């Protein structure tokens, strides 16, 4: 990460993580040599006959080589294959030093289950200091070739992200020992190798996005975020280019809404525009990904106060920007044909000072529309307004914006599901299909036009917030005012899933879905 003159002398450590080598193999499980052989099992797989022997052929074969100890241990540990259950044992009789059973639940029907399997095996690998791991499904006979590809991808993704820890701001760190993973019994060949390479590229983008969100606001300023974006463009300069605008250049473009939010901060704003163009061939579709980029949000003069205001977590308010840049990094490696993609972020801080925006002020966006600011803590939509106008001016056909925009969406959908707002049914179908593949949870919400009455101002074209009722819908309706009617547009409110409640760290939400969607648009 770029080095800034950060408050408190804090600098992120430069940690180099060694890549995990993945291989798809067909071998005799009894003879496979490594540190941990992990078997993903459903509740049906662990059913035993009247002699307490496994009925599943793979488990029966392994158990026979272990003299029945695996079945005996599963009974003693009350292991039934339920989702979340796992047991790792060191037993003599196999080529592997340890064998693990990982519960998958009643039946496997979604990529998220396989992703969870990979994460659980990663935890076991860390606990045992393993360097070489094998993963096999007890039952894979019913899987189609396409399902096997998706399963391998989800398992590998879970492994990579499960083994990763963001230790850049810790004084003492331990590097993971895991070096290689064999995925057994799910086929071999170039298609699987290509899928594993794709998964590696997407995971590198997700990890990058996580690091951006995890970085504190005294390290990741708008300027540093712009430097990180420029680094991506330099790294993949064959397909990516960067344009970074300062405050004066944004003023020339009449971005009064965005600049109003940035006015109070000592850290100047940076408007970020990366452009992906395929290395060869014609461009059939032009897309834009727009991310909210508040590197810190104090709330401004409507300062965040009281229990539950979460001001201490407001470094996460650039989660949309992180998703966009993470997708840019992944796509820079994947290099899809036929599609041009614009990655756009209006980065700034929402702070408090004598130069800051006040409640009641009127700002003018770059499309000429005026906004009465009745709440300075509804700032993200003000920055997105000018970013959306800019995106439309790039001649794109479709826009997806991502933002940690409203607490109202978290109240409606909880911490794990992002809200989707769009007037375009076809676009909704496309993005929701991409999320089914990625395993990320999206839910389409109503874009109720009658609620626009709440957003009307007596002295300007609109206010920036319409009160508590329908807050997430009102915010989406606000954004719609800055999108050209000829452009298909979707808003994703990801305020809930941007961070894990369990780990209190970033999830990398949105990146995998965005990459899947762009690839679908490229074909």
Foldseek 3Di string as FASTA:
>chain_A
DDFDPFPPPFDFADDDAADAAEAEDADDQQADAFAEEEEQEELLQLDADPVLATPQPNRNVNCVQQVNVVSVVCVVVVPRLAAPDKDKAQTPRGNYRIYMYHRQYHDDDALVSLLSVLLVVLVVCQVRLTAEYEYEYSDDVPPDLVRLLLSLLSNLLSNVVNNDDRCRRPPDDDHRNHHYYYYYDSDHDDSSVVSNVLSVLLSVLLVQLQVQLQDALSGDAQVVLQVVLCVLCVVLVLFKDKDKDWPVRVVVLQAFLLCQQFFADPGTKIKIKMKGAANDDAAQFEEEEEWQAACAEQQEPLGQDDPPSPNVSRNNFRSQLSLLSSLSSSCSVVRFHRYMYMYIYGHHHRYYDPRHHDQQDWTAGSVGFIARENTSNQRRLSSLLNRQLVSVVVVGQEYEYEGLGDPLQCVVPNQQEKEKEWPDPVVVVLLVVLCSSVVGHYDYDYLDPVCCVLFPDPPGRGYCARDDPPGVSNSVVSSVVRHDPSHGYMYINNSRHQADPVPRGGDSPPNSSVNSSSNVVSD
